[in-house]
Amino acid sequence: MLDCAKGNKQFSGQCVRGGYVYILASRKNGTLYVGVTSDLARRLQEHQLEIHQSFTSRYGVKTLVWFEQFEEISRAIVREKTIKKWRRAWKINLIEATNPEWADISHWLL
């Protein structure tokens, strides 16, 4: 059994060890940020409220334009590292494959 106190989320009474890779944008074709987290809703709120003085707060990167969910956080981390190495055009293609208008898709998490 997973230890929920060590960063695993609880869902339906059980610990979950999944994760998300996500891309935030400042605007369409603007500055991009690729991140990974086990709790995307919480992490988005941190970006929105500028809890941490970081790249995203400095450049106004707050709009969720793409994400992918994984059952294992380790797989999400590998995917994030891969995407971070990609050329910008490839990241844009990834976003536009599902979100051509670069709309804020944070409501998809509800």
PDB file of N, CA and C in Angstrom:
ATOM      1  N   MET A   1       0.846  -1.189   0.000  1.00  0.00           N
ATOM      2  CA  MET A   1       0.000   0.000   0.000  1.00  0.00           C
ATOM      3  C   MET A   1       0.883   1.241   0.000  1.00  0.00           C
ATOM      4  N   LEU A   2       0.450   2.276  -0.716  1.00  0.00           N
ATOM      5  CA  LEU A   2       1.190   3.529  -0.811  1.00  0.00           C
ATOM      6  C   LEU A   2       0.962   4.384   0.422  1.00  0.00           C
ATOM      7  N   ASP A   3       1.959   5.162   0.777  1.00  0.00           N
ATOM      8  CA  ASP A   3       1.866   6.080   1.898  1.00  0.00           C
ATOM      9  C   ASP A   3       1.375   7.427   1.379  1.00  0.00           C
ATOM     10  N   CYS A   4       0.128   7.789   1.700  1.00  0.00           N
ATOM     11  CA  CYS A   4      -0.432   9.049   1.213  1.00  0.00           C
ATOM     12  C   CYS A   4       0.302  10.249   1.792  1.00  0.00           C
ATOM     13  N   ALA A   5       0.979  10.104   2.900  1.00  0.00           N
ATOM     14  CA  ALA A   5       1.714  11.211   3.496  1.00  0.00           C
ATOM     15  C   ALA A   5       2.963  11.565   2.692  1.00  0.00           C
ATOM     16  N   LYS A   6       3.395  10.709   1.806  1.00  0.00           N
ATOM     17  CA  LYS A   6       4.608  10.959   1.018  1.00  0.00           C
ATOM     18  C   LYS A   6       4.300  11.538  -0.358  1.00  0.00           C
ATOM     19  N   GLY A   7       3.220  12.306  -0.461  1.00  0.00           N
ATOM     20  CA  GLY A   7       2.923  12.980  -1.711  1.00  0.00           C
ATOM     21  C   GLY A   7       1.963  12.255  -2.631  1.00  0.00           C
ATOM     22  N   ASN A   8       1.549  11.044  -2.274  1.00  0.00           N
ATOM     23  CA  ASN A   8       0.555  10.352  -3.088  1.00  0.00           C
ATOM     24  C   ASN A   8      -0.818  10.899  -2.740  1.00  0.00           C
ATOM     25  N   LYS A   9      -1.683  11.027  -3.723  1.00  0.00           N
ATOM     26  CA  LYS A   9      -3.018  11.565  -3.506  1.00  0.00           C
ATOM     27  C   LYS A   9      -3.960  10.463  -3.074  1.00  0.00           C
ATOM     28  N   GLN A  10      -4.987  10.845  -2.307  1.00  0.00           N
ATOM     29  CA  GLN A  10      -6.011   9.888  -1.918  1.00  0.00           C
ATOM     30  C   GLN A  10      -7.225  10.091  -2.800  1.00  0.00           C
ATOM     31  N   PHE A  11      -7.751   8.982  -3.302  1.00  0.00           N
ATOM     32  CA  PHE A  11      -8.929   9.008  -4.161  1.00  0.00           C
ATOM     33  C   PHE A  11      -9.767   7.790  -3.826  1.00  0.00           C
ATOM     34  N   SER A  12     -11.008   8.013  -3.492  1.00  0.00           N
ATOM     35  CA  SER A  12     -11.928   6.928  -3.122  1.00  0.00           C
ATOM     36  C   SER A  12     -11.344   6.038  -2.030  1.00  0.00           C
ATOM     37  N   GLY A  13     -10.690   6.664  -1.062  1.00  0.00           N
ATOM     38  CA  GLY A  13     -10.151   5.925   0.069  1.00  0.00           C
ATOM     39  C   GLY A  13      -8.842   5.208  -0.191  1.00  0.00           C
ATOM     40  N   GLN A  14      -8.283   5.337  -1.387  1.00  0.00           N
ATOM     41  CA  GLN A  14      -7.023   4.672  -1.696  1.00  0.00           C
ATOM     42  C   GLN A  14      -6.003   5.692  -2.183  1.00  0.00           C
ATOM     43  N   CYS A  15      -4.751   5.383  -1.968  1.00  0.00           N
ATOM     44  CA  CYS A  15      -3.673   6.250  -2.437  1.00  0.00           C
ATOM     45  C   CYS A  15      -3.462   6.040  -3.933  1.00  0.00           C
ATOM     46  N   VAL A  16      -3.235   7.138  -4.622  1.00  0.00           N
ATOM     47  CA  VAL A  16      -2.999   7.105  -6.062  1.00  0.00           C
ATOM     48  C   VAL A  16      -1.631   7.698  -6.321  1.00  0.00           C
ATOM     49  N   ARG A  17      -0.883   7.093  -7.196  1.00  0.00           N
ATOM     50  CA  ARG A  17       0.466   7.571  -7.445  1.00  0.00           C
ATOM     51  C   ARG A  17       0.633   8.106  -8.867  1.00  0.00           C
ATOM     52  N   GLY A  18      -0.435   8.636  -9.410  1.00  0.00           N
ATOM     53  CA  GLY A  18      -0.405   9.157 -10.765  1.00  0.00           C
ATOM     54  C   GLY A  18       0.200  10.540 -10.860  1.00  0.00           C
ATOM     55  N   GLY A  19       0.254  11.025 -12.094  1.00  0.00           N
ATOM     56  CA  GLY A  19       0.804  12.347 -12.308  1.00  0.00           C
ATOM     57  C   GLY A  19       0.335  12.943 -13.616  1.00  0.00           C
ATOM     58  N   TYR A  20       0.686  14.186 -13.803  1.00  0.00           N
ATOM     59  CA  TYR A  20       0.315  14.944 -14.993  1.00  0.00           C
ATOM     60  C   TYR A  20       1.537  15.649 -15.554  1.00  0.00           C
ATOM     61  N   VAL A  21       1.591  15.732 -16.869  1.00  0.00           N
ATOM     62  CA  VAL A  21       2.503  16.628 -17.566  1.00  0.00           C
ATOM     63  C   VAL A  21       1.603  17.704 -18.137  1.00  0.00           C
ATOM     64  N   TYR A  22       2.035  18.956 -18.058  1.00  0.00           N
ATOM     65  CA  TYR A  22       1.178  20.031 -18.529  1.00  0.00           C
ATOM     66  C   TYR A  22       1.993  21.120 -19.204  1.00  0.00           C
ATOM     67  N   ILE A  23       1.293  21.882 -20.053  1.00  0.00           N
ATOM     68  CA  ILE A  23       1.913  23.036 -20.696  1.00  0.00           C
ATOM     69  C   ILE A  23       1.053  24.253 -20.390  1.00  0.00           C
ATOM     70  N   LEU A  24       1.697  25.294 -19.888  1.00  0.00           N
ATOM     71  CA  LEU A  24       1.073  26.590 -19.668  1.00  0.00           C
ATOM     72  C   LEU A  24       1.586  27.549 -20.727  1.00  0.00           C
ATOM     73  N   ALA A  25       0.772  28.542 -21.062  1.00  0.00           N
ATOM     74  CA  ALA A  25       1.175  29.557 -22.033  1.00  0.00           C
ATOM     75  C   ALA A  25       0.783  30.936 -21.521  1.00  0.00           C
ATOM     76  N   SER A  26       1.533  31.936 -21.953  1.00  0.00           N
ATOM     77  CA  SER A  26       1.197  33.315 -21.603  1.00  0.00           C
ATOM     78  C   SER A  26       0.073  33.827 -22.503  1.00  0.00           C
ATOM     79  N   ARG A  27       0.005  33.330 -23.719  1.00  0.00           N
ATOM     80  CA  ARG A  27      -1.002  33.672 -24.727  1.00  0.00           C
ATOM     81  C   ARG A  27      -0.761  32.747 -25.907  1.00  0.00           C
ATOM     82  N   LYS A  28      -1.594  32.826 -26.936  1.00  0.00           N
ATOM     83  CA  LYS A  28      -1.396  32.003 -28.119  1.00  0.00           C
ATOM     84  C   LYS A  28      -0.037  32.344 -28.738  1.00  0.00           C
ATOM     85  N   ASN A  29       0.754  31.315 -28.987  1.00  0.00           N
ATOM     86  CA  ASN A  29       2.113  31.442 -29.533  1.00  0.00           C
ATOM     87  C   ASN A  29       3.046  32.255 -28.642  1.00  0.00           C
ATOM     88  N   GLY A  30       2.696  32.374 -27.363  1.00  0.00           N
ATOM     89  CA  GLY A  30       3.524  33.120 -26.416  1.00  0.00           C
ATOM     90  C   GLY A  30       4.530  32.223 -25.712  1.00  0.00           C
ATOM     91  N   THR A  31       4.935  32.658 -24.549  1.00  0.00           N
ATOM     92  CA  THR A  31       5.886  31.918 -23.732  1.00  0.00           C
ATOM     93  C   THR A  31       5.255  30.622 -23.238  1.00  0.00           C
ATOM     94  N   LEU A  32       6.022  29.528 -23.273  1.00  0.00           N
ATOM     95  CA  LEU A  32       5.544  28.213 -22.845  1.00  0.00           C
ATOM     96  C   LEU A  32       6.288  27.740 -21.609  1.00  0.00           C
ATOM     97  N   TYR A  33       5.592  26.949 -20.796  1.00  0.00           N
ATOM     98  CA  TYR A  33       6.188  26.299 -19.634  1.00  0.00           C
ATOM     99  C   TYR A  33       5.696  24.860 -19.602  1.00  0.00           C
ATOM    100  N   VAL A  34       6.617  23.924 -19.477  1.00  0.00           N
ATOM    101  CA  VAL A  34       6.285  22.502 -19.365  1.00  0.00           C
ATOM    102  C   VAL A  34       6.575  22.071 -17.936  1.00  0.00           C
ATOM    103  N   GLY A  35       5.596  21.444 -17.291  1.00  0.00           N
ATOM    104  CA  GLY A  35       5.778  21.016 -15.913  1.00  0.00           C
ATOM    105  C   GLY A  35       5.204  19.641 -15.664  1.00  0.00           C
ATOM    106  N   VAL A  36       5.456  19.133 -14.455  1.00  0.00           N
ATOM    107  CA  VAL A  36       4.945  17.835 -14.026  1.00  0.00           C
ATOM    108  C   VAL A  36       4.484  17.970 -12.586  1.00  0.00           C
ATOM    109  N   THR A  37       3.405  17.270 -12.236  1.00  0.00           N
ATOM    110  CA  THR A  37       2.873  17.333 -10.879  1.00  0.00           C
ATOM    111  C   THR A  37       1.999  16.115 -10.603  1.00  0.00           C
ATOM    112  N   SER A  38       1.781  15.832  -9.343  1.00  0.00           N
ATOM    113  CA  SER A  38       0.851  14.763  -8.970  1.00  0.00           C
ATOM    114  C   SER A  38      -0.549  15.322  -8.727  1.00  0.00           C
ATOM    115  N   ASP A  39      -0.670  16.644  -8.619  1.00  0.00           N
ATOM    116  CA  ASP A  39      -1.962  17.283  -8.346  1.00  0.00           C
ATOM    117  C   ASP A  39      -2.076  18.522  -9.222  1.00  0.00           C
ATOM    118  N   LEU A  40      -2.646  18.364 -10.397  1.00  0.00           N
ATOM    119  CA  LEU A  40      -2.670  19.444 -11.379  1.00  0.00           C
ATOM    120  C   LEU A  40      -3.536  20.619 -10.920  1.00  0.00           C
ATOM    121  N   ALA A  41      -4.671  20.368 -10.318  1.00  0.00           N
ATOM    122  CA  ALA A  41      -5.533  21.463  -9.864  1.00  0.00           C
ATOM    123  C   ALA A  41      -4.801  22.346  -8.846  1.00  0.00           C
ATOM    124  N   ARG A  42      -4.132  21.722  -7.889  1.00  0.00           N
ATOM    125  CA  ARG A  42      -3.381  22.472  -6.876  1.00  0.00           C
ATOM    126  C   ARG A  42      -2.245  23.256  -7.521  1.00  0.00           C
ATOM    127  N   ARG A  43      -1.537  22.614  -8.417  1.00  0.00           N
ATOM    128  CA  ARG A  43      -0.382  23.264  -9.060  1.00  0.00           C
ATOM    129  C   ARG A  43      -0.817  24.444  -9.917  1.00  0.00           C
ATOM    130  N   LEU A  44      -1.942  24.313 -10.623  1.00  0.00           N
ATOM    131  CA  LEU A  44      -2.464  25.433 -11.402  1.00  0.00           C
ATOM    132  C   LEU A  44      -2.810  26.612 -10.511  1.00  0.00           C
ATOM    133  N   GLN A  45      -3.396  26.326  -9.376  1.00  0.00           N
ATOM    134  CA  GLN A  45      -3.717  27.401  -8.428  1.00  0.00           C
ATOM    135  C   GLN A  45      -2.445  28.106  -7.959  1.00  0.00           C
ATOM    136  N   GLU A  46      -1.402  27.351  -7.710  1.00  0.00           N
ATOM    137  CA  GLU A  46      -0.127  27.958  -7.313  1.00  0.00           C
ATOM    138  C   GLU A  46       0.400  28.881  -8.408  1.00  0.00           C
ATOM    139  N   HIS A  47       0.294  28.448  -9.662  1.00  0.00           N
ATOM    140  CA  HIS A  47       0.726  29.300 -10.772  1.00  0.00           C
ATOM    141  C   HIS A  47      -0.141  30.555 -10.846  1.00  0.00           C
ATOM    142  N   GLN A  48      -1.455  30.401 -10.735  1.00  0.00           N
ATOM    143  CA  GLN A  48      -2.371  31.534 -10.831  1.00  0.00           C
ATOM    144  C   GLN A  48      -2.129  32.565  -9.733  1.00  0.00           C
ATOM    145  N   LEU A  49      -1.898  32.090  -8.529  1.00  0.00           N
ATOM    146  CA  LEU A  49      -1.702  32.979  -7.378  1.00  0.00           C
ATOM    147  C   LEU A  49      -0.247  33.416  -7.210  1.00  0.00           C
ATOM    148  N   GLU A  50       0.616  32.942  -8.086  1.00  0.00           N
ATOM    149  CA  GLU A  50       2.054  33.259  -8.044  1.00  0.00           C
ATOM    150  C   GLU A  50       2.640  32.983  -6.658  1.00  0.00           C
ATOM    151  N   ILE A  51       2.319  31.798  -6.141  1.00  0.00           N
ATOM    152  CA  ILE A  51       2.801  31.368  -4.828  1.00  0.00           C
ATOM    153  C   ILE A  51       4.329  31.347  -4.803  1.00  0.00           C
ATOM    154  N   HIS A  52       4.922  30.883  -5.879  1.00  0.00           N
ATOM    155  CA  HIS A  52       6.373  30.804  -5.982  1.00  0.00           C
ATOM    156  C   HIS A  52       6.840  31.855  -6.986  1.00  0.00           C
ATOM    157  N   GLN A  53       7.857  32.600  -6.643  1.00  0.00           N
ATOM    158  CA  GLN A  53       8.443  33.535  -7.598  1.00  0.00           C
ATOM    159  C   GLN A  53       9.309  32.707  -8.535  1.00  0.00           C
ATOM    160  N   SER A  54       8.810  32.527  -9.749  1.00  0.00           N
ATOM    161  CA  SER A  54       9.458  31.605 -10.665  1.00  0.00           C
ATOM    162  C   SER A  54       9.298  32.095 -12.103  1.00  0.00           C
ATOM    163  N   PHE A  55       9.720  31.265 -13.016  1.00  0.00           N
ATOM    164  CA  PHE A  55       9.615  31.550 -14.451  1.00  0.00           C
ATOM    165  C   PHE A  55       8.191  31.936 -14.831  1.00  0.00           C
ATOM    166  N   THR A  56       7.211  31.173 -14.356  1.00  0.00           N
ATOM    167  CA  THR A  56       5.825  31.417 -14.765  1.00  0.00           C
ATOM    168  C   THR A  56       5.306  32.745 -14.234  1.00  0.00           C
ATOM    169  N   SER A  57       5.674  33.131 -13.031  1.00  0.00           N
ATOM    170  CA  SER A  57       5.226  34.421 -12.512  1.00  0.00           C
ATOM    171  C   SER A  57       5.956  35.571 -13.199  1.00  0.00           C
ATOM    172  N   ARG A  58       7.209  35.390 -13.494  1.00  0.00           N
ATOM    173  CA  ARG A  58       8.012  36.433 -14.148  1.00  0.00           C
ATOM    174  C   ARG A  58       7.495  36.741 -15.555  1.00  0.00           C
ATOM    175  N   TYR A  59       7.034  35.716 -16.280  1.00  0.00           N
ATOM    176  CA  TYR A  59       6.613  35.885 -17.669  1.00  0.00           C
ATOM    177  C   TYR A  59       5.095  35.783 -17.875  1.00  0.00           C
ATOM    178  N   GLY A  60       4.324  35.742 -16.797  1.00  0.00           N
ATOM    179  CA  GLY A  60       2.869  35.701 -16.910  1.00  0.00           C
ATOM    180  C   GLY A  60       2.325  34.461 -17.590  1.00  0.00           C
ATOM    181  N   VAL A  61       2.946  33.340 -17.328  1.00  0.00           N
ATOM    182  CA  VAL A  61       2.559  32.071 -17.956  1.00  0.00           C
ATOM    183  C   VAL A  61       1.582  31.364 -17.010  1.00  0.00           C
ATOM    184  N   LYS A  62       0.272  31.486 -17.316  1.00  0.00           N
ATOM    185  CA  LYS A  62      -0.737  30.991 -16.380  1.00  0.00           C
ATOM    186  C   LYS A  62      -1.863  30.191 -17.026  1.00  0.00           C
ATOM    187  N   THR A  63      -1.919  30.129 -18.344  1.00  0.00           N
ATOM    188  CA  THR A  63      -3.044  29.482 -19.027  1.00  0.00           C
ATOM    189  C   THR A  63      -2.717  28.036 -19.352  1.00  0.00           C
ATOM    190  N   LEU A  64      -3.522  27.113 -18.821  1.00  0.00           N
ATOM    191  CA  LEU A  64      -3.345  25.695 -19.121  1.00  0.00           C
ATOM    192  C   LEU A  64      -3.847  25.438 -20.535  1.00  0.00           C
ATOM    193  N   VAL A  65      -2.945  25.030 -21.426  1.00  0.00           N
ATOM    194  CA  VAL A  65      -3.328  24.796 -22.823  1.00  0.00           C
ATOM    195  C   VAL A  65      -3.222  23.326 -23.231  1.00  0.00           C
ATOM    196  N   TRP A  66      -2.564  22.509 -22.407  1.00  0.00           N
ATOM    197  CA  TRP A  66      -2.422  21.086 -22.735  1.00  0.00           C
ATOM    198  C   TRP A  66      -2.026  20.331 -21.470  1.00  0.00           C
ATOM    199  N   PHE A  67      -2.521  19.106 -21.328  1.00  0.00           N
ATOM    200  CA  PHE A  67      -2.031  18.223 -20.265  1.00  0.00           C
ATOM    201  C   PHE A  67      -2.249  16.779 -20.652  1.00  0.00           C
ATOM    202  N   GLU A  68      -1.511  15.920 -19.977  1.00  0.00           N
ATOM    203  CA  GLU A  68      -1.600  14.481 -20.183  1.00  0.00           C
ATOM    204  C   GLU A  68      -1.526  13.830 -18.803  1.00  0.00           C
ATOM    205  N   GLN A  69      -2.375  12.850 -18.553  1.00  0.00           N
ATOM    206  CA  GLN A  69      -2.421  12.175 -17.260  1.00  0.00           C
ATOM    207  C   GLN A  69      -1.779  10.802 -17.356  1.00  0.00           C
ATOM    208  N   PHE A  70      -1.087  10.410 -16.280  1.00  0.00           N
ATOM    209  CA  PHE A  70      -0.404   9.121 -16.203  1.00  0.00           C
ATOM    210  C   PHE A  70      -0.775   8.409 -14.916  1.00  0.00           C
ATOM    211  N   GLU A  71      -0.794   7.102 -14.967  1.00  0.00           N
ATOM    212  CA  GLU A  71      -1.074   6.317 -13.768  1.00  0.00           C
ATOM    213  C   GLU A  71       0.104   6.313 -12.811  1.00  0.00           C
ATOM    214  N   GLU A  72       1.294   6.449 -13.342  1.00  0.00           N
ATOM    215  CA  GLU A  72       2.521   6.450 -12.530  1.00  0.00           C
ATOM    216  C   GLU A  72       3.227   7.796 -12.691  1.00  0.00           C
ATOM    217  N   ILE A  73       3.565   8.446 -11.597  1.00  0.00           N
ATOM    218  CA  ILE A  73       4.262   9.728 -11.665  1.00  0.00           C
ATOM    219  C   ILE A  73       5.612   9.573 -12.371  1.00  0.00           C
ATOM    220  N   SER A  74       6.233   8.433 -12.244  1.00  0.00           N
ATOM    221  CA  SER A  74       7.537   8.220 -12.893  1.00  0.00           C
ATOM    222  C   SER A  74       7.415   8.326 -14.412  1.00  0.00           C
ATOM    223  N   ARG A  75       6.314   7.853 -14.958  1.00  0.00           N
ATOM    224  CA  ARG A  75       6.093   7.963 -16.410  1.00  0.00           C
ATOM    225  C   ARG A  75       5.835   9.417 -16.813  1.00  0.00           C
ATOM    226  N   ALA A  76       5.142  10.143 -15.954  1.00  0.00           N
ATOM    227  CA  ALA A  76       4.904  11.569 -16.218  1.00  0.00           C
ATOM    228  C   ALA A  76       6.222  12.341 -16.231  1.00  0.00           C
ATOM    229  N   ILE A  77       7.114  12.004 -15.326  1.00  0.00           N
ATOM    230  CA  ILE A  77       8.414  12.676 -15.253  1.00  0.00           C
ATOM    231  C   ILE A  77       9.230  12.413 -16.516  1.00  0.00           C
ATOM    232  N   VAL A  78       9.223  11.177 -16.979  1.00  0.00           N
ATOM    233  CA  VAL A  78       9.941  10.842 -18.219  1.00  0.00           C
ATOM    234  C   VAL A  78       9.361  11.624 -19.395  1.00  0.00           C
ATOM    235  N   ARG A  79       8.040  11.679 -19.475  1.00  0.00           N
ATOM    236  CA  ARG A  79       7.383  12.413 -20.574  1.00  0.00           C
ATOM    237  C   ARG A  79       7.716  13.908 -20.509  1.00  0.00           C
ATOM    238  N   GLU A  80       7.700  14.478 -19.311  1.00  0.00           N
ATOM    239  CA  GLU A  80       8.042  15.898 -19.149  1.00  0.00           C
ATOM    240  C   GLU A  80       9.459  16.173 -19.632  1.00  0.00           C
ATOM    241  N   LYS A  81      10.397  15.353 -19.233  1.00  0.00           N
ATOM    242  CA  LYS A  81      11.792  15.542 -19.651  1.00  0.00           C
ATOM    243  C   LYS A  81      11.930  15.442 -21.165  1.00  0.00           C
ATOM    244  N   THR A  82      11.168  14.540 -21.764  1.00  0.00           N
ATOM    245  CA  THR A  82      11.203  14.391 -23.222  1.00  0.00           C
ATOM    246  C   THR A  82      10.669  15.643 -23.899  1.00  0.00           C
ATOM    247  N   ILE A  83       9.507  16.113 -23.460  1.00  0.00           N
ATOM    248  CA  ILE A  83       8.887  17.282 -24.081  1.00  0.00           C
ATOM    249  C   ILE A  83       9.755  18.521 -23.898  1.00  0.00           C
ATOM    250  N   LYS A  84      10.385  18.657 -22.756  1.00  0.00           N
ATOM    251  CA  LYS A  84      11.247  19.819 -22.517  1.00  0.00           C
ATOM    252  C   LYS A  84      12.405  19.889 -23.516  1.00  0.00           C
ATOM    253  N   LYS A  85      12.823  18.753 -24.024  1.00  0.00           N
ATOM    254  CA  LYS A  85      13.916  18.722 -25.002  1.00  0.00           C
ATOM    255  C   LYS A  85      13.448  19.011 -26.425  1.00  0.00           C
ATOM    256  N   TRP A  86      12.153  18.973 -26.645  1.00  0.00           N
ATOM    257  CA  TRP A  86      11.604  19.187 -27.976  1.00  0.00           C
ATOM    258  C   TRP A  86      11.834  20.610 -28.468  1.00  0.00           C
ATOM    259  N   ARG A  87      11.818  20.751 -29.777  1.00  0.00           N
ATOM    260  CA  ARG A  87      11.811  22.080 -30.399  1.00  0.00           C
ATOM    261  C   ARG A  87      10.467  22.740 -30.098  1.00  0.00           C
ATOM    262  N   ARG A  88      10.476  24.046 -30.084  1.00  0.00           N
ATOM    263  CA  ARG A  88       9.265  24.815 -29.808  1.00  0.00           C
ATOM    264  C   ARG A  88       8.131  24.439 -30.775  1.00  0.00           C
ATOM    265  N   ALA A  89       8.446  24.284 -32.050  1.00  0.00           N
ATOM    266  CA  ALA A  89       7.421  23.946 -33.052  1.00  0.00           C
ATOM    267  C   ALA A  89       6.715  22.635 -32.707  1.00  0.00           C
ATOM    268  N   TRP A  90       7.445  21.676 -32.176  1.00  0.00           N
ATOM    269  CA  TRP A  90       6.836  20.399 -31.808  1.00  0.00           C
ATOM    270  C   TRP A  90       5.861  20.585 -30.646  1.00  0.00           C
ATOM    271  N   LYS A  91       6.235  21.437 -29.685  1.00  0.00           N
ATOM    272  CA  LYS A  91       5.348  21.725 -28.546  1.00  0.00           C
ATOM    273  C   LYS A  91       4.080  22.420 -29.034  1.00  0.00           C
ATOM    274  N   ILE A  92       4.232  23.351 -29.947  1.00  0.00           N
ATOM    275  CA  ILE A  92       3.081  24.047 -30.506  1.00  0.00           C
ATOM    276  C   ILE A  92       2.169  23.060 -31.229  1.00  0.00           C
ATOM    277  N   ASN A  93       2.741  22.149 -31.997  1.00  0.00           N
ATOM    278  CA  ASN A  93       1.940  21.122 -32.680  1.00  0.00           C
ATOM    279  C   ASN A  93       1.187  20.247 -31.683  1.00  0.00           C
ATOM    280  N   LEU A  94       1.833  19.908 -30.577  1.00  0.00           N
ATOM    281  CA  LEU A  94       1.198  19.101 -29.535  1.00  0.00           C
ATOM    282  C   LEU A  94      -0.012  19.831 -28.967  1.00  0.00           C
ATOM    283  N   ILE A  95       0.146  21.096 -28.659  1.00  0.00           N
ATOM    284  CA  ILE A  95      -0.956  21.902 -28.132  1.00  0.00           C
ATOM    285  C   ILE A  95      -2.088  21.984 -29.148  1.00  0.00           C
ATOM    286  N   GLU A  96      -1.746  22.356 -30.374  1.00  0.00           N
ATOM    287  CA  GLU A  96      -2.765  22.622 -31.381  1.00  0.00           C
ATOM    288  C   GLU A  96      -3.479  21.365 -31.885  1.00  0.00           C
ATOM    289  N   ALA A  97      -2.924  20.200 -31.634  1.00  0.00           N
ATOM    290  CA  ALA A  97      -3.599  18.954 -32.016  1.00  0.00           C
ATOM    291  C   ALA A  97      -4.919  18.786 -31.261  1.00  0.00           C
ATOM    292  N   THR A  98      -4.985  19.284 -30.022  1.00  0.00           N
ATOM    293  CA  THR A  98      -6.208  19.161 -29.220  1.00  0.00           C
ATOM    294  C   THR A  98      -6.805  20.508 -28.832  1.00  0.00           C
ATOM    295  N   ASN A  99      -6.044  21.574 -28.990  1.00  0.00           N
ATOM    296  CA  ASN A  99      -6.486  22.891 -28.530  1.00  0.00           C
ATOM    297  C   ASN A  99      -5.998  23.975 -29.508  1.00  0.00           C
ATOM    298  N   PRO A 100      -6.531  23.993 -30.729  1.00  0.00           N
ATOM    299  CA  PRO A 100      -6.019  24.909 -31.756  1.00  0.00           C
ATOM    300  C   PRO A 100      -6.178  26.390 -31.416  1.00  0.00           C
ATOM    301  N   GLU A 101      -7.111  26.727 -30.550  1.00  0.00           N
ATOM    302  CA  GLU A 101      -7.317  28.134 -30.168  1.00  0.00           C
ATOM    303  C   GLU A 101      -6.515  28.528 -28.932  1.00  0.00           C
ATOM    304  N   TRP A 102      -5.817  27.585 -28.342  1.00  0.00           N
ATOM    305  CA  TRP A 102      -5.036  27.828 -27.129  1.00  0.00           C
ATOM    306  C   TRP A 102      -5.931  28.319 -25.987  1.00  0.00           C
ATOM    307  N   ALA A 103      -7.133  27.777 -25.914  1.00  0.00           N
ATOM    308  CA  ALA A 103      -8.077  28.146 -24.852  1.00  0.00           C
ATOM    309  C   ALA A 103      -7.593  27.606 -23.511  1.00  0.00           C
ATOM    310  N   ASP A 104      -8.016  28.239 -22.433  1.00  0.00           N
ATOM    311  CA  ASP A 104      -7.723  27.742 -21.091  1.00  0.00           C
ATOM    312  C   ASP A 104      -8.565  26.489 -20.877  1.00  0.00           C
ATOM    313  N   ILE A 105      -7.920  25.363 -20.661  1.00  0.00           N
ATOM    314  CA  ILE A 105      -8.638  24.088 -20.517  1.00  0.00           C
ATOM    315  C   ILE A 105      -8.661  23.592 -19.074  1.00  0.00           C
ATOM    316  N   SER A 106      -8.394  24.491 -18.134  1.00  0.00           N
ATOM    317  CA  SER A 106      -8.362  24.073 -16.732  1.00  0.00           C
ATOM    318  C   SER A 106      -9.724  23.528 -16.272  1.00  0.00           C
ATOM    319  N   HIS A 107     -10.806  23.959 -16.903  1.00  0.00           N
ATOM    320  CA  HIS A 107     -12.134  23.450 -16.545  1.00  0.00           C
ATOM    321  C   HIS A 107     -12.289  21.967 -16.864  1.00  0.00           C
ATOM    322  N   TRP A 108     -11.423  21.412 -17.699  1.00  0.00           N
ATOM    323  CA  TRP A 108     -11.467  19.982 -18.013  1.00  0.00           C
ATOM    324  C   TRP A 108     -11.132  19.137 -16.786  1.00  0.00           C
ATOM    325  N   LEU A 109     -10.545  19.740 -15.781  1.00  0.00           N
ATOM    326  CA  LEU A 109     -10.135  18.995 -14.585  1.00  0.00           C
ATOM    327  C   LEU A 109     -11.294  18.753 -13.625  1.00  0.00           C
ATOM    328  N   LEU A 110     -12.418  19.399 -13.837  1.00  0.00           N
ATOM    329  CA  LEU A 110     -13.570  19.253 -12.921  1.00  0.00           C
ATOM    330  C   LEU A 110     -14.214  17.916 -13.005  1.00  0.00           C
TER     331      LEU A 110
END
